[in-house]
Amino acid sequence: MSEAVKFFDGFTDGMMDGLRVAMHAEILKFDNVTMKADIQPLQGGLPPILDVPVSFQKAGAFFIRMPFKKGDKVIVVFNDYPLDDAGERRHHLDDAMIVSGLSEMPMPAEHENDLLIAHENMKTKIVIDEVGSVSILTKQQDISLTSEQGNINLTAPNGLVNISDRRNGS
């Protein structure tokens, strides 16, 4: 191998070592109000990264906030340009953003074609299926429907609303 090839291979390796694109990290601390987390990158011997913005699903006035906990594994990306318009840096650790949780746990086979929001034990879940049916299921605790102002309406224009009280054998 020529000296020039060795030089450029070393030069390229050095540049790639400093380029941040995405990596796995672990949550050290999460603030669900500011939607920021302190994280520990799991590769490269890097120090903790503090106050990392956590992305979440949001459209208009609607959002889904995930309750990250210490020890959760996440995927972190590094933006091409600064999040705070602070200069010309690119792919810098200060421009990290958590884009999702990461789990080695297999996903359940049930509801594979449905929108599923669930606890990992699958004992509590909300399912919206392909035809538009919505199910709220729990094997753990009560389901509460609360209206601080107004009514709670259960409507079935072409069917029945069934209410069962199993405590009294009804």
Protein backbone atom coordinates (compact mmCIF):
# COMPACT_ATOMS: atom_id res chain seq x y z
CA MET A 1 0.00 0.00 0.00
CA SER A 2 1.45 3.37 -0.97
CA GLU A 3 2.17 6.09 1.57
CA ALA A 4 -0.47 8.30 -0.07
CA VAL A 5 -3.17 5.63 0.36
CA LYS A 6 -2.16 5.12 4.01
CA PHE A 7 -2.26 8.88 4.56
CA PHE A 8 -5.74 9.28 3.07
CA ASP A 9 -7.07 6.19 4.88
CA GLY A 10 -5.81 7.65 8.17
CA PHE A 11 -7.18 11.09 7.31
CA THR A 12 -10.61 9.63 6.46
CA ASP A 13 -10.68 7.50 9.62
CA GLY A 14 -9.82 10.57 11.70
CA MET A 15 -12.62 12.60 10.14
CA MET A 16 -15.15 9.80 10.58
CA ASP A 17 -14.20 9.36 14.26
CA GLY A 18 -15.24 12.97 14.90
CA LEU A 19 -18.45 12.88 12.84
CA ARG A 20 -21.56 12.39 14.96
CA VAL A 21 -24.67 11.13 13.17
CA ALA A 22 -26.59 8.81 15.52
CA MET A 23 -25.86 6.57 18.50
CA HIS A 24 -27.43 4.61 21.32
CA ALA A 25 -27.56 6.20 24.76
CA GLU A 26 -29.06 5.62 28.18
CA ILE A 27 -31.29 8.09 30.03
CA LEU A 28 -29.66 9.37 33.23
CA LYS A 29 -32.40 11.91 34.05
CA PHE A 30 -35.59 13.02 32.26
CA ASP A 31 -37.73 16.13 32.81
CA ASN A 32 -41.19 15.56 31.35
CA VAL A 33 -42.06 19.28 31.56
CA THR A 34 -39.06 20.70 29.68
CA MET A 35 -38.82 17.51 27.56
CA LYS A 36 -35.05 17.37 28.10
CA ALA A 37 -32.86 14.53 29.31
CA ASP A 38 -29.34 13.92 30.51
CA ILE A 39 -27.94 10.92 28.65
CA GLN A 40 -24.89 8.67 28.65
CA PRO A 41 -23.73 7.63 25.16
CA LEU A 42 -23.16 3.86 25.09
CA GLN A 43 -20.34 3.90 22.53
CA GLY A 44 -17.08 5.73 22.12
CA GLY A 45 -16.29 6.48 25.76
CA LEU A 46 -18.01 9.87 25.54
CA PRO A 47 -19.01 11.87 28.63
CA PRO A 48 -22.67 12.40 29.57
CA ILE A 49 -24.56 14.88 27.39
CA LEU A 50 -26.83 17.20 29.39
CA ASP A 51 -30.16 18.90 28.56
CA VAL A 52 -30.76 16.95 25.36
CA PRO A 53 -34.13 17.80 23.75
CA VAL A 54 -36.49 14.83 23.50
CA SER A 55 -38.61 14.74 20.35
CA PHE A 56 -42.18 13.52 20.60
CA GLN A 57 -45.14 12.99 18.33
CA LYS A 58 -46.92 16.33 17.83
CA ALA A 59 -49.35 17.62 15.26
CA GLY A 60 -51.22 20.88 15.80
CA ALA A 61 -52.58 20.92 19.34
CA PHE A 62 -52.17 17.15 19.84
CA PHE A 63 -49.17 15.29 21.22
CA ILE A 64 -48.02 12.00 22.72
CA ARG A 65 -45.48 12.29 25.54
CA MET A 66 -43.53 9.19 26.54
CA PRO A 67 -42.63 8.72 30.23
CA PHE A 68 -38.88 8.04 29.87
CA LYS A 69 -37.17 6.73 33.00
CA LYS A 70 -33.58 6.47 34.19
CA GLY A 71 -31.96 3.50 32.45
CA ASP A 72 -34.16 3.60 29.33
CA LYS A 73 -32.23 3.10 26.10
CA VAL A 74 -32.75 5.69 23.36
CA ILE A 75 -31.56 6.62 19.88
CA VAL A 76 -29.84 10.00 19.68
CA VAL A 77 -29.21 11.92 16.47
CA PHE A 78 -26.86 14.85 15.96
CA ASN A 79 -28.29 17.63 13.83
CA ASP A 80 -26.41 18.89 10.78
CA TYR A 81 -26.58 22.43 12.15
CA PRO A 82 -26.85 23.96 15.64
CA LEU A 83 -30.23 23.79 17.35
CA ASP A 84 -29.61 27.20 18.92
CA ASP A 85 -28.16 29.09 15.89
CA ALA A 86 -24.83 29.28 17.75
CA GLY A 87 -22.31 29.37 14.98
CA GLU A 88 -21.18 27.08 12.23
CA ARG A 89 -20.68 23.79 14.09
CA ARG A 90 -21.94 20.60 12.45
CA HIS A 91 -22.87 17.21 13.95
CA HIS A 92 -21.75 18.43 17.37
CA LEU A 93 -22.54 16.73 20.69
CA ASP A 94 -24.31 19.96 21.76
CA ASP A 95 -26.83 19.44 18.96
CA ALA A 96 -28.00 16.01 20.09
CA MET A 97 -31.70 15.13 20.05
CA ILE A 98 -33.43 12.00 21.33
CA VAL A 99 -35.68 10.68 18.58
CA SER A 100 -37.06 7.49 20.11
CA GLY A 101 -36.81 4.81 22.70
CA LEU A 102 -34.96 1.63 21.93
CA SER A 103 -35.93 -1.79 23.20
CA GLU A 104 -34.59 -5.26 22.67
CA MET A 105 -37.97 -6.57 23.85
CA PRO A 106 -39.90 -8.22 21.01
CA MET A 107 -43.17 -6.57 20.07
CA PRO A 108 -46.38 -8.51 20.67
CA ALA A 109 -47.80 -10.44 17.72
CA GLU A 110 -51.35 -9.36 18.52
CA HIS A 111 -52.64 -6.12 16.97
CA GLU A 112 -49.84 -6.10 14.37
CA ASN A 113 -51.97 -4.04 11.94
CA ASP A 114 -53.44 -1.70 14.55
CA LEU A 115 -52.31 1.42 16.39
CA LEU A 116 -51.29 0.10 19.80
CA ILE A 117 -50.46 2.12 22.89
CA ALA A 118 -49.63 -0.30 25.67
CA HIS A 119 -47.67 -1.13 28.78
CA GLU A 120 -44.92 -3.64 28.00
CA ASN A 121 -46.72 -6.36 29.97
CA MET A 122 -49.72 -5.92 27.60
CA LYS A 123 -52.12 -5.89 30.56
CA THR A 124 -53.11 -2.29 29.82
CA LYS A 125 -53.59 -1.09 26.26
CA ILE A 126 -55.46 1.16 23.87
CA VAL A 127 -56.07 -0.29 20.42
CA ILE A 128 -57.37 1.50 17.33
CA ASP A 129 -57.93 -1.12 14.66
CA GLU A 130 -58.00 -0.91 10.87
CA VAL A 131 -61.78 -0.41 10.71
CA GLY A 132 -61.76 2.34 13.34
CA SER A 133 -62.84 0.48 16.47
CA VAL A 134 -61.28 1.76 19.68
CA SER A 135 -60.66 -0.55 22.64
CA ILE A 136 -59.37 0.37 26.06
CA LEU A 137 -58.38 -2.77 27.93
CA THR A 138 -56.88 -3.33 31.35
CA LYS A 139 -56.26 -6.37 33.52
CA GLN A 140 -54.62 -4.28 36.22
CA GLN A 141 -56.70 -1.44 37.63
CA ASP A 142 -59.81 0.62 36.99
CA ILE A 143 -60.53 2.60 33.86
CA SER A 144 -61.58 6.13 34.74
CA LEU A 145 -63.57 8.49 32.54
CA THR A 146 -63.64 11.95 34.10
CA SER A 147 -65.23 15.15 32.90
CA GLU A 148 -64.45 18.22 34.98
CA GLN A 149 -67.04 20.15 33.00
CA GLY A 150 -69.88 18.56 31.13
CA ASN A 151 -71.15 15.08 30.54
CA ILE A 152 -69.70 11.71 29.70
CA ASN A 153 -71.65 10.39 26.75
CA LEU A 154 -71.69 6.77 25.61
CA THR A 155 -73.48 6.53 22.28
CA ALA A 156 -74.17 3.53 20.08
CA PRO A 157 -76.62 4.71 17.38
CA ASN A 158 -76.98 1.20 15.94
CA GLY A 159 -76.36 -0.88 19.02
CA LEU A 160 -76.51 -1.14 22.78
CA VAL A 161 -74.48 0.38 25.56
CA ASN A 162 -73.84 -2.43 28.05
CA ILE A 163 -72.78 -1.75 31.60
CA SER A 164 -71.90 -4.71 33.79
CA ASP A 165 -71.28 -4.68 37.52
CA ARG A 166 -69.53 -7.93 38.29
CA ARG A 167 -69.27 -7.18 42.00
CA ASN A 168 -72.94 -8.03 42.46
CA GLY A 169 -73.05 -10.82 39.90
CA SER A 170 -74.93 -8.67 37.36
